[in-house]
Amino acid sequence: MKKLSCSSVLTLCIVLCLILIVGCSNANEETNTGENTDWELTKYKTINDLEGVTMSVKKGTVTTTELTVVFDNNSGKQCIYGEYFLLEKKMEGSWYQVPVTIDGNYGFNSIGHGLETLNVSEWTVDWNWLYGRLVTGEYRIVKDILDFRKAGDYDTYFLAAEFTIN
């Protein structure tokens, strides 16, 4: 029987470690194909009902991992939106929440972006860390926005903007 030298064993260990590292990094870049059985029907029955405030997808910004939305406030109200968002996919005529690819807990930065009355604001989101790359289909991004009057006095609304991945 042939004995392996220390350098051969070390080389074999390095090769195995590299295979594991590449395999794990590829797992994080998997696409959200829709084959997952964890799809839940949307919980948002009322959207886009903050009169005078709209959210739309900026033309030419959609990729499989990000987009830019445009908020337009013509309401006469001071609004605030944060980093939180949710992606949904339209399947068989209904909206379903795209499952996250992260195991365990995750969170969003707790920051408030002001959207003053008669103002327009843009916000870019990269969802690769949370959803991976999206596949072909009809999607929408859902964000909460506050009609802010003063500390502790506000109403929460939900805005949605549709987009397509070709």
C-alpha atoms as a PDB file:
ATOM      1  CA  MET A   1       0.000   0.000   0.000  1.00  0.00           C
ATOM      2  CA  LYS A   2       1.307   3.446  -0.935  1.00  0.00           C
ATOM      3  CA  LYS A   3       1.665   6.043   1.846  1.00  0.00           C
ATOM      4  CA  LEU A   4       0.663   9.658   1.294  1.00  0.00           C
ATOM      5  CA  SER A   5       3.184  12.331   2.101  1.00  0.00           C
ATOM      6  CA  CYS A   6       2.315  15.295   4.348  1.00  0.00           C
ATOM      7  CA  SER A   7       2.288  17.602   1.337  1.00  0.00           C
ATOM      8  CA  SER A   8      -0.171  15.301  -0.490  1.00  0.00           C
ATOM      9  CA  VAL A   9      -2.501  15.223   2.519  1.00  0.00           C
ATOM     10  CA  LEU A  10      -2.245  19.017   2.861  1.00  0.00           C
ATOM     11  CA  THR A  11      -2.998  19.500  -0.842  1.00  0.00           C
ATOM     12  CA  LEU A  12      -5.999  17.168  -0.596  1.00  0.00           C
ATOM     13  CA  CYS A  13      -7.330  19.117   2.434  1.00  0.00           C
ATOM     14  CA  ILE A  14      -6.930  22.443   0.604  1.00  0.00           C
ATOM     15  CA  VAL A  15      -8.771  21.115  -2.457  1.00  0.00           C
ATOM     16  CA  LEU A  16     -11.632  19.804  -0.296  1.00  0.00           C
ATOM     17  CA  CYS A  17     -11.887  23.152   1.535  1.00  0.00           C
ATOM     18  CA  LEU A  18     -12.026  25.037  -1.772  1.00  0.00           C
ATOM     19  CA  ILE A  19     -14.802  22.743  -3.023  1.00  0.00           C
ATOM     20  CA  LEU A  20     -16.801  23.422   0.158  1.00  0.00           C
ATOM     21  CA  ILE A  21     -16.266  27.191  -0.094  1.00  0.00           C
ATOM     22  CA  VAL A  22     -17.322  27.314  -3.755  1.00  0.00           C
ATOM     23  CA  GLY A  23     -20.359  25.129  -3.044  1.00  0.00           C
ATOM     24  CA  CYS A  24     -21.488  27.340  -0.169  1.00  0.00           C
ATOM     25  CA  SER A  25     -21.027  30.573  -2.120  1.00  0.00           C
ATOM     26  CA  ASN A  26     -23.013  29.181  -5.054  1.00  0.00           C
ATOM     27  CA  ALA A  27     -25.826  28.191  -2.675  1.00  0.00           C
ATOM     28  CA  ASN A  28     -26.140  31.829  -1.601  1.00  0.00           C
ATOM     29  CA  GLU A  29     -26.534  32.923  -5.223  1.00  0.00           C
ATOM     30  CA  GLU A  30     -29.349  30.531  -6.096  1.00  0.00           C
ATOM     31  CA  THR A  31     -32.311  31.961  -7.920  1.00  0.00           C
ATOM     32  CA  ASN A  32     -35.819  32.278  -6.602  1.00  0.00           C
ATOM     33  CA  THR A  33     -37.385  29.930  -9.155  1.00  0.00           C
ATOM     34  CA  GLY A  34     -40.810  29.583  -7.654  1.00  0.00           C
ATOM     35  CA  GLU A  35     -40.334  25.865  -7.164  1.00  0.00           C
ATOM     36  CA  ASN A  36     -40.256  26.437  -3.413  1.00  0.00           C
ATOM     37  CA  THR A  37     -43.385  25.313  -1.568  1.00  0.00           C
ATOM     38  CA  ASP A  38     -43.101  28.141   0.990  1.00  0.00           C
ATOM     39  CA  TRP A  39     -45.055  30.660  -1.103  1.00  0.00           C
ATOM     40  CA  GLU A  40     -47.708  32.435   0.967  1.00  0.00           C
ATOM     41  CA  LEU A  41     -50.627  34.427  -0.397  1.00  0.00           C
ATOM     42  CA  THR A  42     -50.184  38.188   0.036  1.00  0.00           C
ATOM     43  CA  LYS A  43     -51.302  39.668   3.327  1.00  0.00           C
ATOM     44  CA  TYR A  44     -51.852  43.096   1.723  1.00  0.00           C
ATOM     45  CA  LYS A  45     -55.498  43.504   0.765  1.00  0.00           C
ATOM     46  CA  THR A  46     -55.377  47.316   0.693  1.00  0.00           C
ATOM     47  CA  ILE A  47     -52.516  49.064  -1.092  1.00  0.00           C
ATOM     48  CA  ASN A  48     -51.890  52.417  -2.763  1.00  0.00           C
ATOM     49  CA  ASP A  49     -54.662  54.130  -0.792  1.00  0.00           C
ATOM     50  CA  LEU A  50     -52.689  57.102   0.574  1.00  0.00           C
ATOM     51  CA  GLU A  51     -54.359  59.790  -1.501  1.00  0.00           C
ATOM     52  CA  GLY A  52     -51.863  61.908  -3.421  1.00  0.00           C
ATOM     53  CA  VAL A  53     -48.849  59.636  -2.750  1.00  0.00           C
ATOM     54  CA  THR A  54     -47.605  57.166  -5.350  1.00  0.00           C
ATOM     55  CA  MET A  55     -44.711  54.768  -5.744  1.00  0.00           C
ATOM     56  CA  SER A  56     -43.573  53.628  -9.186  1.00  0.00           C
ATOM     57  CA  VAL A  57     -40.590  51.760 -10.596  1.00  0.00           C
ATOM     58  CA  LYS A  58     -38.087  54.036 -12.320  1.00  0.00           C
ATOM     59  CA  LYS A  59     -37.793  53.096 -15.977  1.00  0.00           C
ATOM     60  CA  GLY A  60     -34.595  51.261 -16.916  1.00  0.00           C
ATOM     61  CA  THR A  61     -33.572  50.341 -13.339  1.00  0.00           C
ATOM     62  CA  VAL A  62     -34.979  46.811 -13.031  1.00  0.00           C
ATOM     63  CA  THR A  63     -32.482  43.930 -12.898  1.00  0.00           C
ATOM     64  CA  THR A  64     -32.798  40.445 -11.415  1.00  0.00           C
ATOM     65  CA  THR A  65     -31.401  41.759  -8.112  1.00  0.00           C
ATOM     66  CA  GLU A  66     -32.398  45.423  -7.791  1.00  0.00           C
ATOM     67  CA  LEU A  67     -34.481  48.377  -8.879  1.00  0.00           C
ATOM     68  CA  THR A  68     -35.190  52.008  -8.053  1.00  0.00           C
ATOM     69  CA  VAL A  69     -38.606  53.254  -6.979  1.00  0.00           C
ATOM     70  CA  VAL A  70     -39.856  56.818  -7.232  1.00  0.00           C
ATOM     71  CA  PHE A  71     -42.095  58.283  -4.534  1.00  0.00           C
ATOM     72  CA  ASP A  72     -44.245  61.239  -5.537  1.00  0.00           C
ATOM     73  CA  ASN A  73     -45.978  63.159  -2.752  1.00  0.00           C
ATOM     74  CA  ASN A  74     -48.755  65.459  -3.964  1.00  0.00           C
ATOM     75  CA  SER A  75     -50.836  64.993  -0.817  1.00  0.00           C
ATOM     76  CA  GLY A  76     -50.068  68.024   1.306  1.00  0.00           C
ATOM     77  CA  LYS A  77     -48.897  65.570   4.014  1.00  0.00           C
ATOM     78  CA  GLN A  78     -45.478  64.870   5.480  1.00  0.00           C
ATOM     79  CA  CYS A  79     -44.588  61.213   4.860  1.00  0.00           C
ATOM     80  CA  ILE A  80     -41.812  58.912   6.045  1.00  0.00           C
ATOM     81  CA  TYR A  81     -40.648  55.601   4.582  1.00  0.00           C
ATOM     82  CA  GLY A  82     -37.967  53.214   5.763  1.00  0.00           C
ATOM     83  CA  GLU A  83     -35.740  50.421   4.481  1.00  0.00           C
ATOM     84  CA  TYR A  84     -38.325  47.646   4.889  1.00  0.00           C
ATOM     85  CA  PHE A  85     -39.720  46.110   1.712  1.00  0.00           C
ATOM     86  CA  LEU A  86     -41.331  42.901   0.544  1.00  0.00           C
ATOM     87  CA  LEU A  87     -41.357  41.273  -2.886  1.00  0.00           C
ATOM     88  CA  GLU A  88     -44.355  39.446  -4.282  1.00  0.00           C
ATOM     89  CA  LYS A  89     -44.832  37.437  -7.468  1.00  0.00           C
ATOM     90  CA  LYS A  90     -48.047  37.150  -9.480  1.00  0.00           C
ATOM     91  CA  MET A  91     -48.947  33.513 -10.067  1.00  0.00           C
ATOM     92  CA  GLU A  92     -52.235  32.321 -11.537  1.00  0.00           C
ATOM     93  CA  GLY A  93     -53.749  35.777 -11.056  1.00  0.00           C
ATOM     94  CA  SER A  94     -52.871  36.154  -7.358  1.00  0.00           C
ATOM     95  CA  TRP A  95     -49.967  37.775  -5.509  1.00  0.00           C
ATOM     96  CA  TYR A  96     -47.686  35.550  -3.415  1.00  0.00           C
ATOM     97  CA  GLN A  97     -44.842  36.576  -1.115  1.00  0.00           C
ATOM     98  CA  VAL A  98     -41.470  35.626  -2.558  1.00  0.00           C
ATOM     99  CA  PRO A  99     -39.766  33.356   0.011  1.00  0.00           C
ATOM    100  CA  VAL A 100     -36.562  34.690   1.545  1.00  0.00           C
ATOM    101  CA  THR A 101     -33.372  32.712   1.008  1.00  0.00           C
ATOM    102  CA  ILE A 102     -31.946  33.484   4.450  1.00  0.00           C
ATOM    103  CA  ASP A 103     -32.216  30.837   7.150  1.00  0.00           C
ATOM    104  CA  GLY A 104     -33.120  32.303  10.525  1.00  0.00           C
ATOM    105  CA  ASN A 105     -33.636  35.902  11.523  1.00  0.00           C
ATOM    106  CA  TYR A 106     -32.910  39.000   9.469  1.00  0.00           C
ATOM    107  CA  GLY A 107     -33.750  42.654   9.776  1.00  0.00           C
ATOM    108  CA  PHE A 108     -33.747  46.078   8.174  1.00  0.00           C
ATOM    109  CA  ASN A 109     -32.023  49.294   9.214  1.00  0.00           C
ATOM    110  CA  SER A 110     -34.365  51.419  11.300  1.00  0.00           C
ATOM    111  CA  ILE A 111     -34.124  54.693   9.439  1.00  0.00           C
ATOM    112  CA  GLY A 112     -36.753  57.136   8.281  1.00  0.00           C
ATOM    113  CA  HIS A 113     -36.518  58.855   4.910  1.00  0.00           C
ATOM    114  CA  GLY A 114     -38.574  62.016   4.762  1.00  0.00           C
ATOM    115  CA  LEU A 115     -40.918  62.622   1.852  1.00  0.00           C
ATOM    116  CA  GLU A 116     -42.081  66.192   2.159  1.00  0.00           C
ATOM    117  CA  THR A 117     -45.278  67.457   0.601  1.00  0.00           C
ATOM    118  CA  LEU A 118     -45.039  68.317  -3.121  1.00  0.00           C
ATOM    119  CA  ASN A 119     -41.757  66.412  -3.359  1.00  0.00           C
ATOM    120  CA  VAL A 120     -40.311  63.465  -5.295  1.00  0.00           C
ATOM    121  CA  SER A 121     -37.806  60.994  -3.859  1.00  0.00           C
ATOM    122  CA  GLU A 122     -35.960  57.957  -5.261  1.00  0.00           C
ATOM    123  CA  TRP A 123     -34.950  54.841  -3.337  1.00  0.00           C
ATOM    124  CA  THR A 124     -32.805  52.010  -4.707  1.00  0.00           C
ATOM    125  CA  VAL A 125     -33.038  48.515  -3.267  1.00  0.00           C
ATOM    126  CA  ASP A 126     -30.751  45.509  -3.774  1.00  0.00           C
ATOM    127  CA  TRP A 127     -32.621  42.368  -2.700  1.00  0.00           C
ATOM    128  CA  ASN A 128     -29.980  39.787  -3.603  1.00  0.00           C
ATOM    129  CA  TRP A 129     -29.078  39.320   0.097  1.00  0.00           C
ATOM    130  CA  LEU A 130     -32.685  38.497   0.975  1.00  0.00           C
ATOM    131  CA  TYR A 131     -34.302  36.920  -2.100  1.00  0.00           C
ATOM    132  CA  GLY A 132     -31.448  36.033  -4.443  1.00  0.00           C
ATOM    133  CA  ARG A 133     -31.865  36.570  -8.183  1.00  0.00           C
ATOM    134  CA  LEU A 134     -35.421  36.687  -9.466  1.00  0.00           C
ATOM    135  CA  VAL A 135     -36.500  34.623 -12.455  1.00  0.00           C
ATOM    136  CA  THR A 136     -38.835  35.626 -15.270  1.00  0.00           C
ATOM    137  CA  GLY A 137     -42.220  36.783 -14.076  1.00  0.00           C
ATOM    138  CA  GLU A 138     -44.486  39.583 -12.862  1.00  0.00           C
ATOM    139  CA  TYR A 139     -43.520  41.030  -9.489  1.00  0.00           C
ATOM    140  CA  ARG A 140     -44.313  43.907  -7.198  1.00  0.00           C
ATOM    141  CA  ILE A 141     -42.435  45.585  -4.401  1.00  0.00           C
ATOM    142  CA  VAL A 142     -44.450  46.520  -1.313  1.00  0.00           C
ATOM    143  CA  LYS A 143     -43.314  49.233   1.114  1.00  0.00           C
ATOM    144  CA  ASP A 144     -44.872  50.821   4.144  1.00  0.00           C
ATOM    145  CA  ILE A 145     -45.120  54.601   4.375  1.00  0.00           C
ATOM    146  CA  LEU A 146     -46.256  56.761   7.250  1.00  0.00           C
ATOM    147  CA  ASP A 147     -48.573  59.756   7.100  1.00  0.00           C
ATOM    148  CA  PHE A 148     -46.646  61.499   9.871  1.00  0.00           C
ATOM    149  CA  ARG A 149     -48.230  64.296  11.850  1.00  0.00           C
ATOM    150  CA  LYS A 150     -46.077  64.297  15.006  1.00  0.00           C
ATOM    151  CA  ALA A 151     -44.270  61.807  17.255  1.00  0.00           C
ATOM    152  CA  GLY A 152     -46.696  59.012  18.044  1.00  0.00           C
ATOM    153  CA  ASP A 153     -49.351  60.424  15.721  1.00  0.00           C
ATOM    154  CA  TYR A 154     -49.237  58.765  12.308  1.00  0.00           C
ATOM    155  CA  ASP A 155     -51.081  56.340  10.052  1.00  0.00           C
ATOM    156  CA  THR A 156     -49.388  53.479   8.187  1.00  0.00           C
ATOM    157  CA  TYR A 157     -50.170  52.797   4.537  1.00  0.00           C
ATOM    158  CA  PHE A 158     -48.735  50.309   2.053  1.00  0.00           C
ATOM    159  CA  LEU A 159     -47.621  51.198  -1.441  1.00  0.00           C
ATOM    160  CA  ALA A 160     -46.908  48.702  -4.220  1.00  0.00           C
ATOM    161  CA  ALA A 161     -45.255  49.077  -7.604  1.00  0.00           C
ATOM    162  CA  GLU A 162     -45.295  46.365 -10.250  1.00  0.00           C
ATOM    163  CA  PHE A 163     -42.382  45.312 -12.460  1.00  0.00           C
ATOM    164  CA  THR A 164     -41.461  42.507 -14.826  1.00  0.00           C
ATOM    165  CA  ILE A 165     -38.347  40.337 -15.002  1.00  0.00           C
ATOM    166  CA  ASN A 166     -37.821  39.147 -18.590  1.00  0.00           C
END
